[in-house]
């Protein structure tokens, strides 16, 4: 038997997608890195490089530029990822502690 997905009435808007702070920071950093790579790819292409040399030089140039220019965004992304992982670990430890307390022998 097939399940049918409920559809919103015609003209109704779906709720907007809300990104978490971690997702927003990661998405902005990644999109800026890609933009820098494409810009350096175009510049190196106009400088005359082709093939693997074009890709290699564009990767090196965009990596160096992003290391310098995007340090604030990289720090924001790593801070939000660290906080998210820390929260996950705390919840995992709390769950393990509660499970240990549940199965501890009664004295």
C-alpha atoms as a PDB file:
ATOM      1  CA  UNK A   1       0.000   0.000   0.000  1.00  0.00           C
ATOM      2  CA  UNK A   2       1.381   3.418  -0.912  1.00  0.00           C
ATOM      3  CA  UNK A   3       1.436   6.264   1.505  1.00  0.00           C
ATOM      4  CA  UNK A   4       0.373   9.661   0.309  1.00  0.00           C
ATOM      5  CA  UNK A   5       2.201  12.726   1.407  1.00  0.00           C
ATOM      6  CA  UNK A   6       0.040  15.488   2.762  1.00  0.00           C
ATOM      7  CA  UNK A   7       0.195  18.518   0.530  1.00  0.00           C
ATOM      8  CA  UNK A   8      -0.342  22.078   1.523  1.00  0.00           C
ATOM      9  CA  UNK A   9      -3.374  23.745  -0.038  1.00  0.00           C
ATOM     10  CA  UNK A  10      -2.723  25.581  -3.282  1.00  0.00           C
ATOM     11  CA  UNK A  11      -1.199  28.961  -2.609  1.00  0.00           C
ATOM     12  CA  UNK A  12      -0.051  28.060   0.911  1.00  0.00           C
ATOM     13  CA  UNK A  13       3.582  28.671   1.652  1.00  0.00           C
ATOM     14  CA  UNK A  14       5.802  26.160   3.336  1.00  0.00           C
ATOM     15  CA  UNK A  15       7.578  27.375   6.473  1.00  0.00           C
ATOM     16  CA  UNK A  16      11.025  28.885   5.845  1.00  0.00           C
ATOM     17  CA  UNK A  17      14.031  26.700   6.540  1.00  0.00           C
ATOM     18  CA  UNK A  18      15.880  27.830   9.652  1.00  0.00           C
ATOM     19  CA  UNK A  19      19.599  27.143   9.788  1.00  0.00           C
ATOM     20  CA  UNK A  20      21.390  26.632  13.064  1.00  0.00           C
ATOM     21  CA  UNK A  21      24.359  28.789  13.943  1.00  0.00           C
ATOM     22  CA  UNK A  22      26.737  25.954  13.136  1.00  0.00           C
ATOM     23  CA  UNK A  23      25.163  25.301   9.759  1.00  0.00           C
ATOM     24  CA  UNK A  24      25.109  29.004   8.879  1.00  0.00           C
ATOM     25  CA  UNK A  25      28.782  29.482   9.808  1.00  0.00           C
ATOM     26  CA  UNK A  26      29.842  26.371   7.895  1.00  0.00           C
ATOM     27  CA  UNK A  27      27.781  27.285   4.853  1.00  0.00           C
ATOM     28  CA  UNK A  28      29.088  30.849   4.697  1.00  0.00           C
ATOM     29  CA  UNK A  29      32.729  29.769   5.120  1.00  0.00           C
ATOM     30  CA  UNK A  30      32.407  27.050   2.491  1.00  0.00           C
ATOM     31  CA  UNK A  31      30.691  29.338  -0.011  1.00  0.00           C
ATOM     32  CA  UNK A  32      33.392  31.991   0.467  1.00  0.00           C
ATOM     33  CA  UNK A  33      36.098  29.357  -0.063  1.00  0.00           C
ATOM     34  CA  UNK A  34      34.414  28.228  -3.279  1.00  0.00           C
ATOM     35  CA  UNK A  35      34.075  31.822  -4.445  1.00  0.00           C
ATOM     36  CA  UNK A  36      37.781  32.428  -3.822  1.00  0.00           C
ATOM     37  CA  UNK A  37      38.659  29.230  -5.693  1.00  0.00           C
ATOM     38  CA  UNK A  38      36.564  30.213  -8.722  1.00  0.00           C
ATOM     39  CA  UNK A  39      38.027  33.735  -8.726  1.00  0.00           C
ATOM     40  CA  UNK A  40      41.585  32.412  -8.553  1.00  0.00           C
ATOM     41  CA  UNK A  41      40.748  29.814 -11.235  1.00  0.00           C
ATOM     42  CA  UNK A  42      39.617  32.586 -13.579  1.00  0.00           C
ATOM     43  CA  UNK A  43      42.666  34.729 -12.826  1.00  0.00           C
ATOM     44  CA  UNK A  44      45.102  31.862 -13.377  1.00  0.00           C
ATOM     45  CA  UNK A  45      43.268  30.912 -16.589  1.00  0.00           C
ATOM     46  CA  UNK A  46      43.713  34.423 -17.951  1.00  0.00           C
ATOM     47  CA  UNK A  47      47.366  34.286 -16.912  1.00  0.00           C
ATOM     48  CA  UNK A  48      47.781  31.393 -19.349  1.00  0.00           C
ATOM     49  CA  UNK A  49      47.736  28.245 -17.216  1.00  0.00           C
ATOM     50  CA  UNK A  50      45.796  25.223 -18.484  1.00  0.00           C
ATOM     51  CA  UNK A  51      45.055  21.670 -17.341  1.00  0.00           C
ATOM     52  CA  UNK A  52      46.400  20.372 -14.043  1.00  0.00           C
ATOM     53  CA  UNK A  53      48.590  23.441 -13.624  1.00  0.00           C
ATOM     54  CA  UNK A  54      45.470  25.619 -13.716  1.00  0.00           C
ATOM     55  CA  UNK A  55      43.736  23.565 -11.016  1.00  0.00           C
ATOM     56  CA  UNK A  56      46.862  23.238  -8.870  1.00  0.00           C
ATOM     57  CA  UNK A  57      47.746  26.919  -8.935  1.00  0.00           C
ATOM     58  CA  UNK A  58      44.128  27.911  -8.273  1.00  0.00           C
ATOM     59  CA  UNK A  59      43.994  25.576  -5.262  1.00  0.00           C
ATOM     60  CA  UNK A  60      47.250  26.914  -3.814  1.00  0.00           C
ATOM     61  CA  UNK A  61      46.354  30.565  -4.404  1.00  0.00           C
ATOM     62  CA  UNK A  62      42.825  30.247  -3.038  1.00  0.00           C
ATOM     63  CA  UNK A  63      44.135  28.321  -0.016  1.00  0.00           C
ATOM     64  CA  UNK A  64      46.668  31.010   0.844  1.00  0.00           C
ATOM     65  CA  UNK A  65      44.195  33.840   0.315  1.00  0.00           C
ATOM     66  CA  UNK A  66      41.470  32.121   2.335  1.00  0.00           C
ATOM     67  CA  UNK A  67      43.925  31.408   5.160  1.00  0.00           C
ATOM     68  CA  UNK A  68      44.595  35.141   5.431  1.00  0.00           C
ATOM     69  CA  UNK A  69      41.251  36.671   4.474  1.00  0.00           C
ATOM     70  CA  UNK A  70      38.779  34.205   5.998  1.00  0.00           C
ATOM     71  CA  UNK A  71      40.353  33.744   9.437  1.00  0.00           C
ATOM     72  CA  UNK A  72      37.383  35.349  11.235  1.00  0.00           C
ATOM     73  CA  UNK A  73      34.872  33.126   9.450  1.00  0.00           C
ATOM     74  CA  UNK A  74      37.029  30.048  10.089  1.00  0.00           C
ATOM     75  CA  UNK A  75      37.236  30.898  13.802  1.00  0.00           C
ATOM     76  CA  UNK A  76      33.456  31.401  13.983  1.00  0.00           C
ATOM     77  CA  UNK A  77      32.847  28.081  12.246  1.00  0.00           C
ATOM     78  CA  UNK A  78      35.276  26.148  14.442  1.00  0.00           C
ATOM     79  CA  UNK A  79      33.864  27.751  17.596  1.00  0.00           C
ATOM     80  CA  UNK A  80      30.313  26.789  16.731  1.00  0.00           C
ATOM     81  CA  UNK A  81      31.373  23.253  15.773  1.00  0.00           C
ATOM     82  CA  UNK A  82      33.293  22.885  19.032  1.00  0.00           C
ATOM     83  CA  UNK A  83      30.287  24.039  21.051  1.00  0.00           C
ATOM     84  CA  UNK A  84      28.015  21.636  19.210  1.00  0.00           C
ATOM     85  CA  UNK A  85      30.376  18.684  19.749  1.00  0.00           C
ATOM     86  CA  UNK A  86      30.803  19.615  23.416  1.00  0.00           C
ATOM     87  CA  UNK A  87      27.024  19.651  23.883  1.00  0.00           C
ATOM     88  CA  UNK A  88      26.708  16.296  22.151  1.00  0.00           C
ATOM     89  CA  UNK A  89      29.403  14.770  24.348  1.00  0.00           C
ATOM     90  CA  UNK A  90      27.762  16.124  27.501  1.00  0.00           C
ATOM     91  CA  UNK A  91      24.408  14.617  26.512  1.00  0.00           C
ATOM     92  CA  UNK A  92      26.117  11.324  25.687  1.00  0.00           C
ATOM     93  CA  UNK A  93      27.936  11.292  29.036  1.00  0.00           C
ATOM     94  CA  UNK A  94      24.704  12.135  30.888  1.00  0.00           C
ATOM     95  CA  UNK A  95      22.926   9.269  29.137  1.00  0.00           C
ATOM     96  CA  UNK A  96      25.734   6.838  29.934  1.00  0.00           C
ATOM     97  CA  UNK A  97      25.792   7.992  33.569  1.00  0.00           C
ATOM     98  CA  UNK A  98      22.026   7.565  33.862  1.00  0.00           C
ATOM     99  CA  UNK A  99      22.277   4.098  32.338  1.00  0.00           C
ATOM    100  CA  UNK A 100      25.068   3.157  34.764  1.00  0.00           C
ATOM    101  CA  UNK A 101      23.011   4.421  37.705  1.00  0.00           C
ATOM    102  CA  UNK A 102      20.014   2.428  36.492  1.00  0.00           C
ATOM    103  CA  UNK A 103      21.914  -0.849  36.397  1.00  0.00           C
ATOM    104  CA  UNK A 104      24.059  -0.247  39.477  1.00  0.00           C
ATOM    105  CA  UNK A 105      23.703  -2.975  42.121  1.00  0.00           C
ATOM    106  CA  UNK A 106      21.599  -1.968  45.112  1.00  0.00           C
ATOM    107  CA  UNK A 107      23.516  -1.837  48.357  1.00  0.00           C
END
